[in-house]
Amino acid sequence: MLVLNAVLVGVLVYAVLGVLFAILFVTRGVARVDPAARGAPLGFRVLIFPGVAAFWPWMLGRWRRAVAGGGA
């Protein structure tokens, strides 16, 4: 039972961090990672939100490389 609780807490932490990151990314980061997304409508941002939340470590890496000038 202790292992199950630890796994569930880990999943919860991952999900909360993903949602927080996704909010920040879809409002500020997506245009930096993909210049074609600059000025994208709200519908596009809503569509990418779940994927960004799920794959937030990968998207964080892409955003960091884009900010550093390494491209996407």
PDB file of N, CA and C in Angstrom:
ATOM      1  N   MET A   1       0.825  -1.188   0.000  1.00  0.00           N
ATOM      2  CA  MET A   1       0.000   0.000   0.000  1.00  0.00           C
ATOM      3  C   MET A   1       0.873   1.256   0.000  1.00  0.00           C
ATOM      4  N   LEU A   2       1.991   1.191   0.671  1.00  0.00           N
ATOM      5  CA  LEU A   2       2.890   2.338   0.738  1.00  0.00           C
ATOM      6  C   LEU A   2       3.472   2.662  -0.642  1.00  0.00           C
ATOM      7  N   VAL A   3       3.798   1.626  -1.399  1.00  0.00           N
ATOM      8  CA  VAL A   3       4.328   1.829  -2.750  1.00  0.00           C
ATOM      9  C   VAL A   3       3.259   2.449  -3.643  1.00  0.00           C
ATOM     10  N   LEU A   4       2.041   1.969  -3.538  1.00  0.00           N
ATOM     11  CA  LEU A   4       0.943   2.515  -4.328  1.00  0.00           C
ATOM     12  C   LEU A   4       0.729   3.995  -4.018  1.00  0.00           C
ATOM     13  N   ASN A   5       0.765   4.360  -2.740  1.00  0.00           N
ATOM     14  CA  ASN A   5       0.621   5.761  -2.361  1.00  0.00           C
ATOM     15  C   ASN A   5       1.749   6.613  -2.934  1.00  0.00           C
ATOM     16  N   ALA A   6       2.960   6.093  -2.899  1.00  0.00           N
ATOM     17  CA  ALA A   6       4.099   6.836  -3.444  1.00  0.00           C
ATOM     18  C   ALA A   6       3.942   7.036  -4.951  1.00  0.00           C
ATOM     19  N   VAL A   7       3.483   6.014  -5.650  1.00  0.00           N
ATOM     20  CA  VAL A   7       3.273   6.124  -7.096  1.00  0.00           C
ATOM     21  C   VAL A   7       2.169   7.138  -7.388  1.00  0.00           C
ATOM     22  N   LEU A   8       1.093   7.082  -6.645  1.00  0.00           N
ATOM     23  CA  LEU A   8      -0.011   8.020  -6.860  1.00  0.00           C
ATOM     24  C   LEU A   8       0.398   9.459  -6.561  1.00  0.00           C
ATOM     25  N   VAL A   9       1.184   9.653  -5.526  1.00  0.00           N
ATOM     26  CA  VAL A   9       1.685  11.008  -5.230  1.00  0.00           C
ATOM     27  C   VAL A   9       2.607  11.474  -6.352  1.00  0.00           C
ATOM     28  N   GLY A  10       3.438  10.592  -6.861  1.00  0.00           N
ATOM     29  CA  GLY A  10       4.308  10.936  -7.976  1.00  0.00           C
ATOM     30  C   GLY A  10       3.529  11.332  -9.215  1.00  0.00           C
ATOM     31  N   VAL A  11       2.484  10.586  -9.534  1.00  0.00           N
ATOM     32  CA  VAL A  11       1.637  10.905 -10.682  1.00  0.00           C
ATOM     33  C   VAL A  11       0.928  12.231 -10.470  1.00  0.00           C
ATOM     34  N   LEU A  12       0.453  12.476  -9.264  1.00  0.00           N
ATOM     35  CA  LEU A  12      -0.219  13.732  -8.958  1.00  0.00           C
ATOM     36  C   LEU A  12       0.727  14.919  -9.094  1.00  0.00           C
ATOM     37  N   VAL A  13       1.921  14.787  -8.584  1.00  0.00           N
ATOM     38  CA  VAL A  13       2.911  15.865  -8.694  1.00  0.00           C
ATOM     39  C   VAL A  13       3.238  16.128 -10.162  1.00  0.00           C
ATOM     40  N   TYR A  14       3.439  15.067 -10.933  1.00  0.00           N
ATOM     41  CA  TYR A  14       3.719  15.206 -12.367  1.00  0.00           C
ATOM     42  C   TYR A  14       2.576  15.936 -13.069  1.00  0.00           C
ATOM     43  N   ALA A  15       1.341  15.564 -12.754  1.00  0.00           N
ATOM     44  CA  ALA A  15       0.177  16.171 -13.394  1.00  0.00           C
ATOM     45  C   ALA A  15       0.026  17.639 -13.017  1.00  0.00           C
ATOM     46  N   VAL A  16       0.234  17.958 -11.750  1.00  0.00           N
ATOM     47  CA  VAL A  16       0.118  19.354 -11.318  1.00  0.00           C
ATOM     48  C   VAL A  16       1.203  20.201 -11.971  1.00  0.00           C
ATOM     49  N   LEU A  17       2.428  19.706 -11.990  1.00  0.00           N
ATOM     50  CA  LEU A  17       3.501  20.441 -12.665  1.00  0.00           C
ATOM     51  C   LEU A  17       3.198  20.592 -14.155  1.00  0.00           C
ATOM     52  N   GLY A  18       2.627  19.568 -14.758  1.00  0.00           N
ATOM     53  CA  GLY A  18       2.274  19.630 -16.168  1.00  0.00           C
ATOM     54  C   GLY A  18       1.226  20.681 -16.466  1.00  0.00           C
ATOM     55  N   VAL A  19       0.208  20.769 -15.636  1.00  0.00           N
ATOM     56  CA  VAL A  19      -0.840  21.768 -15.847  1.00  0.00           C
ATOM     57  C   VAL A  19      -0.285  23.170 -15.656  1.00  0.00           C
ATOM     58  N   LEU A  20       0.515  23.364 -14.607  1.00  0.00           N
ATOM     59  CA  LEU A  20       1.109  24.688 -14.375  1.00  0.00           C
ATOM     60  C   LEU A  20       2.027  25.086 -15.525  1.00  0.00           C
ATOM     61  N   PHE A  21       2.843  24.146 -15.982  1.00  0.00           N
ATOM     62  CA  PHE A  21       3.730  24.432 -17.113  1.00  0.00           C
ATOM     63  C   PHE A  21       2.930  24.724 -18.372  1.00  0.00           C
ATOM     64  N   ALA A  22       1.880  23.951 -18.616  1.00  0.00           N
ATOM     65  CA  ALA A  22       1.077  24.136 -19.826  1.00  0.00           C
ATOM     66  C   ALA A  22       0.432  25.520 -19.853  1.00  0.00           C
ATOM     67  N   ILE A  23      -0.034  25.987 -18.715  1.00  0.00           N
ATOM     68  CA  ILE A  23      -0.615  27.332 -18.656  1.00  0.00           C
ATOM     69  C   ILE A  23       0.426  28.357 -19.076  1.00  0.00           C
ATOM     70  N   LEU A  24       1.604  28.244 -18.528  1.00  0.00           N
ATOM     71  CA  LEU A  24       2.675  29.181 -18.867  1.00  0.00           C
ATOM     72  C   LEU A  24       3.103  29.030 -20.326  1.00  0.00           C
ATOM     73  N   PHE A  25       3.222  27.801 -20.786  1.00  0.00           N
ATOM     74  CA  PHE A  25       3.708  27.556 -22.139  1.00  0.00           C
ATOM     75  C   PHE A  25       2.736  28.049 -23.205  1.00  0.00           C
ATOM     76  N   VAL A  26       1.443  27.751 -23.049  1.00  0.00           N
ATOM     77  CA  VAL A  26       0.505  28.147 -24.094  1.00  0.00           C
ATOM     78  C   VAL A  26       0.280  29.658 -24.113  1.00  0.00           C
ATOM     79  N   THR A  27       0.570  30.338 -23.008  1.00  0.00           N
ATOM     80  CA  THR A  27       0.395  31.788 -23.000  1.00  0.00           C
ATOM     81  C   THR A  27       1.654  32.529 -23.438  1.00  0.00           C
ATOM     82  N   ARG A  28       2.829  31.952 -23.182  1.00  0.00           N
ATOM     83  CA  ARG A  28       4.067  32.670 -23.484  1.00  0.00           C
ATOM     84  C   ARG A  28       5.072  31.904 -24.332  1.00  0.00           C
ATOM     85  N   GLY A  29       5.158  30.604 -24.162  1.00  0.00           N
ATOM     86  CA  GLY A  29       6.248  29.856 -24.765  1.00  0.00           C
ATOM     87  C   GLY A  29       6.034  29.325 -26.157  1.00  0.00           C
ATOM     88  N   VAL A  30       4.786  29.070 -26.529  1.00  0.00           N
ATOM     89  CA  VAL A  30       4.544  28.415 -27.808  1.00  0.00           C
ATOM     90  C   VAL A  30       5.043  29.258 -28.975  1.00  0.00           C
ATOM     91  N   ALA A  31       4.906  30.553 -28.899  1.00  0.00           N
ATOM     92  CA  ALA A  31       5.377  31.416 -29.993  1.00  0.00           C
ATOM     93  C   ALA A  31       6.892  31.410 -30.088  1.00  0.00           C
ATOM     94  N   ARG A  32       7.554  31.179 -28.974  1.00  0.00           N
ATOM     95  CA  ARG A  32       9.021  31.138 -28.986  1.00  0.00           C
ATOM     96  C   ARG A  32       9.524  29.834 -29.596  1.00  0.00           C
ATOM     97  N   VAL A  33       8.840  28.739 -29.302  1.00  0.00           N
ATOM     98  CA  VAL A  33       9.240  27.432 -29.824  1.00  0.00           C
ATOM     99  C   VAL A  33       8.867  27.297 -31.296  1.00  0.00           C
ATOM    100  N   ASP A  34       7.690  27.798 -31.657  1.00  0.00           N
ATOM    101  CA  ASP A  34       7.218  27.713 -33.037  1.00  0.00           C
ATOM    102  C   ASP A  34       6.723  29.087 -33.485  1.00  0.00           C
ATOM    103  N   PRO A  35       7.547  29.822 -34.216  1.00  0.00           N
ATOM    104  CA  PRO A  35       7.140  31.169 -34.640  1.00  0.00           C
ATOM    105  C   PRO A  35       5.834  31.194 -35.445  1.00  0.00           C
ATOM    106  N   ALA A  36       5.474  30.108 -36.099  1.00  0.00           N
ATOM    107  CA  ALA A  36       4.215  30.064 -36.846  1.00  0.00           C
ATOM    108  C   ALA A  36       3.016  30.133 -35.909  1.00  0.00           C
ATOM    109  N   ALA A  37       3.216  29.823 -34.637  1.00  0.00           N
ATOM    110  CA  ALA A  37       2.125  29.856 -33.665  1.00  0.00           C
ATOM    111  C   ALA A  37       1.923  31.254 -33.080  1.00  0.00           C
ATOM    112  N   ARG A  38       2.768  32.180 -33.457  1.00  0.00           N
ATOM    113  CA  ARG A  38       2.621  33.554 -32.961  1.00  0.00           C
ATOM    114  C   ARG A  38       1.274  34.097 -33.419  1.00  0.00           C
ATOM    115  N   GLY A  39       0.497  34.596 -32.488  1.00  0.00           N
ATOM    116  CA  GLY A  39      -0.824  35.131 -32.811  1.00  0.00           C
ATOM    117  C   GLY A  39      -1.880  34.062 -33.041  1.00  0.00           C
ATOM    118  N   ALA A  40      -1.588  32.830 -32.634  1.00  0.00           N
ATOM    119  CA  ALA A  40      -2.555  31.738 -32.821  1.00  0.00           C
ATOM    120  C   ALA A  40      -3.801  31.998 -31.976  1.00  0.00           C
ATOM    121  N   PRO A  41      -4.949  31.589 -32.478  1.00  0.00           N
ATOM    122  CA  PRO A  41      -6.195  31.824 -31.732  1.00  0.00           C
ATOM    123  C   PRO A  41      -6.295  30.966 -30.477  1.00  0.00           C
ATOM    124  N   LEU A  42      -7.239  31.316 -29.642  1.00  0.00           N
ATOM    125  CA  LEU A  42      -7.462  30.600 -28.391  1.00  0.00           C
ATOM    126  C   LEU A  42      -7.763  29.118 -28.637  1.00  0.00           C
ATOM    127  N   GLY A  43      -8.494  28.826 -29.688  1.00  0.00           N
ATOM    128  CA  GLY A  43      -8.830  27.430 -29.993  1.00  0.00           C
ATOM    129  C   GLY A  43      -7.602  26.562 -30.180  1.00  0.00           C
ATOM    130  N   PHE A  44      -6.583  27.089 -30.850  1.00  0.00           N
ATOM    131  CA  PHE A  44      -5.334  26.346 -31.031  1.00  0.00           C
ATOM    132  C   PHE A  44      -4.669  26.087 -29.690  1.00  0.00           C
ATOM    133  N   ARG A  45      -4.642  27.083 -28.852  1.00  0.00           N
ATOM    134  CA  ARG A  45      -3.997  26.944 -27.538  1.00  0.00           C
ATOM    135  C   ARG A  45      -4.735  25.938 -26.654  1.00  0.00           C
ATOM    136  N   VAL A  46      -6.056  25.930 -26.750  1.00  0.00           N
ATOM    137  CA  VAL A  46      -6.845  24.948 -25.999  1.00  0.00           C
ATOM    138  C   VAL A  46      -6.558  23.540 -26.515  1.00  0.00           C
ATOM    139  N   LEU A  47      -6.405  23.398 -27.826  1.00  0.00           N
ATOM    140  CA  LEU A  47      -6.123  22.086 -28.411  1.00  0.00           C
ATOM    141  C   LEU A  47      -4.770  21.522 -27.972  1.00  0.00           C
ATOM    142  N   ILE A  48      -3.752  22.367 -27.875  1.00  0.00           N
ATOM    143  CA  ILE A  48      -2.427  21.851 -27.529  1.00  0.00           C
ATOM    144  C   ILE A  48      -2.225  21.697 -26.025  1.00  0.00           C
ATOM    145  N   PHE A  49      -3.100  22.288 -25.219  1.00  0.00           N
ATOM    146  CA  PHE A  49      -2.935  22.267 -23.762  1.00  0.00           C
ATOM    147  C   PHE A  49      -2.765  20.857 -23.187  1.00  0.00           C
ATOM    148  N   PRO A  50      -3.639  19.887 -23.496  1.00  0.00           N
ATOM    149  CA  PRO A  50      -3.469  18.554 -22.891  1.00  0.00           C
ATOM    150  C   PRO A  50      -2.138  17.893 -23.256  1.00  0.00           C
ATOM    151  N   GLY A  51      -1.734  18.038 -24.504  1.00  0.00           N
ATOM    152  CA  GLY A  51      -0.461  17.445 -24.916  1.00  0.00           C
ATOM    153  C   GLY A  51       0.724  18.088 -24.239  1.00  0.00           C
ATOM    154  N   VAL A  52       0.676  19.397 -24.102  1.00  0.00           N
ATOM    155  CA  VAL A  52       1.761  20.105 -23.417  1.00  0.00           C
ATOM    156  C   VAL A  52       1.809  19.678 -21.956  1.00  0.00           C
ATOM    157  N   ALA A  53       0.647  19.550 -21.322  1.00  0.00           N
ATOM    158  CA  ALA A  53       0.608  19.130 -19.920  1.00  0.00           C
ATOM    159  C   ALA A  53       1.159  17.711 -19.755  1.00  0.00           C
ATOM    160  N   ALA A  54       0.862  16.836 -20.702  1.00  0.00           N
ATOM    161  CA  ALA A  54       1.312  15.444 -20.604  1.00  0.00           C
ATOM    162  C   ALA A  54       2.802  15.304 -20.892  1.00  0.00           C
ATOM    163  N   PHE A  55       3.301  16.052 -21.863  1.00  0.00           N
ATOM    164  CA  PHE A  55       4.698  15.930 -22.275  1.00  0.00           C
ATOM    165  C   PHE A  55       5.529  17.133 -21.845  1.00  0.00           C
ATOM    166  N   TRP A  56       5.217  17.691 -20.667  1.00  0.00           N
ATOM    167  CA  TRP A  56       5.857  18.927 -20.255  1.00  0.00           C
ATOM    168  C   TRP A  56       7.378  18.844 -20.121  1.00  0.00           C
ATOM    169  N   PRO A  57       7.988  17.738 -19.703  1.00  0.00           N
ATOM    170  CA  PRO A  57       9.465  17.750 -19.641  1.00  0.00           C
ATOM    171  C   PRO A  57      10.094  17.934 -21.033  1.00  0.00           C
ATOM    172  N   TRP A  58       9.520  17.297 -22.034  1.00  0.00           N
ATOM    173  CA  TRP A  58      10.030  17.424 -23.405  1.00  0.00           C
ATOM    174  C   TRP A  58       9.816  18.845 -23.914  1.00  0.00           C
ATOM    175  N   MET A  59       8.639  19.400 -23.677  1.00  0.00           N
ATOM    176  CA  MET A  59       8.352  20.759 -24.133  1.00  0.00           C
ATOM    177  C   MET A  59       9.217  21.784 -23.398  1.00  0.00           C
ATOM    178  N   LEU A  60       9.509  21.539 -22.147  1.00  0.00           N
ATOM    179  CA  LEU A  60      10.415  22.425 -21.406  1.00  0.00           C
ATOM    180  C   LEU A  60      11.793  22.430 -22.046  1.00  0.00           C
ATOM    181  N   GLY A  61      12.266  21.269 -22.457  1.00  0.00           N
ATOM    182  CA  GLY A  61      13.555  21.191 -23.142  1.00  0.00           C
ATOM    183  C   GLY A  61      13.553  21.940 -24.464  1.00  0.00           C
ATOM    184  N   ARG A  62      12.481  21.812 -25.222  1.00  0.00           N
ATOM    185  CA  ARG A  62      12.380  22.542 -26.501  1.00  0.00           C
ATOM    186  C   ARG A  62      12.346  24.041 -26.262  1.00  0.00           C
ATOM    187  N   TRP A  63      11.615  24.472 -25.228  1.00  0.00           N
ATOM    188  CA  TRP A  63      11.517  25.895 -24.916  1.00  0.00           C
ATOM    189  C   TRP A  63      12.875  26.434 -24.478  1.00  0.00           C
ATOM    190  N   ARG A  64      13.589  25.678 -23.666  1.00  0.00           N
ATOM    191  CA  ARG A  64      14.913  26.114 -23.217  1.00  0.00           C
ATOM    192  C   ARG A  64      15.884  26.236 -24.384  1.00  0.00           C
ATOM    193  N   ARG A  65      15.836  25.275 -25.326  1.00  0.00           N
ATOM    194  CA  ARG A  65      16.714  25.357 -26.494  1.00  0.00           C
ATOM    195  C   ARG A  65      16.349  26.550 -27.378  1.00  0.00           C
ATOM    196  N   ALA A  66      15.050  26.838 -27.504  1.00  0.00           N
ATOM    197  CA  ALA A  66      14.627  27.975 -28.309  1.00  0.00           C
ATOM    198  C   ALA A  66      15.076  29.298 -27.696  1.00  0.00           C
ATOM    199  N   VAL A  67      15.007  29.392 -26.378  1.00  0.00           N
ATOM    200  CA  VAL A  67      15.434  30.615 -25.693  1.00  0.00           C
ATOM    201  C   VAL A  67      16.952  30.772 -25.791  1.00  0.00           C
ATOM    202  N   ALA A  68      17.659  29.657 -25.728  1.00  0.00           N
ATOM    203  CA  ALA A  68      19.123  29.707 -25.810  1.00  0.00           C
ATOM    204  C   ALA A  68      19.617  29.984 -27.233  1.00  0.00           C
ATOM    205  N   GLY A  69      18.713  29.948 -28.189  1.00  0.00           N
ATOM    206  CA  GLY A  69      19.103  30.240 -29.574  1.00  0.00           C
ATOM    207  C   GLY A  69      19.443  29.000 -30.359  1.00  0.00           C
ATOM    208  N   GLY A  70      19.187  27.827 -29.795  1.00  0.00           N
ATOM    209  CA  GLY A  70      19.503  26.592 -30.485  1.00  0.00           C
ATOM    210  C   GLY A  70      18.425  26.137 -31.442  1.00  0.00           C
ATOM    211  N   GLY A  71      17.378  26.915 -31.588  1.00  0.00           N
ATOM    212  CA  GLY A  71      16.288  26.522 -32.469  1.00  0.00           C
ATOM    213  C   GLY A  71      15.366  25.550 -31.776  1.00  0.00           C
ATOM    214  N   ALA A  72      14.391  25.058 -32.513  1.00  0.00           N
ATOM    215  CA  ALA A  72      13.419  24.122 -31.922  1.00  0.00           C
ATOM    216  C   ALA A  72      13.987  22.743 -32.050  1.00  0.00           C
TER     217      ALA A  72
END
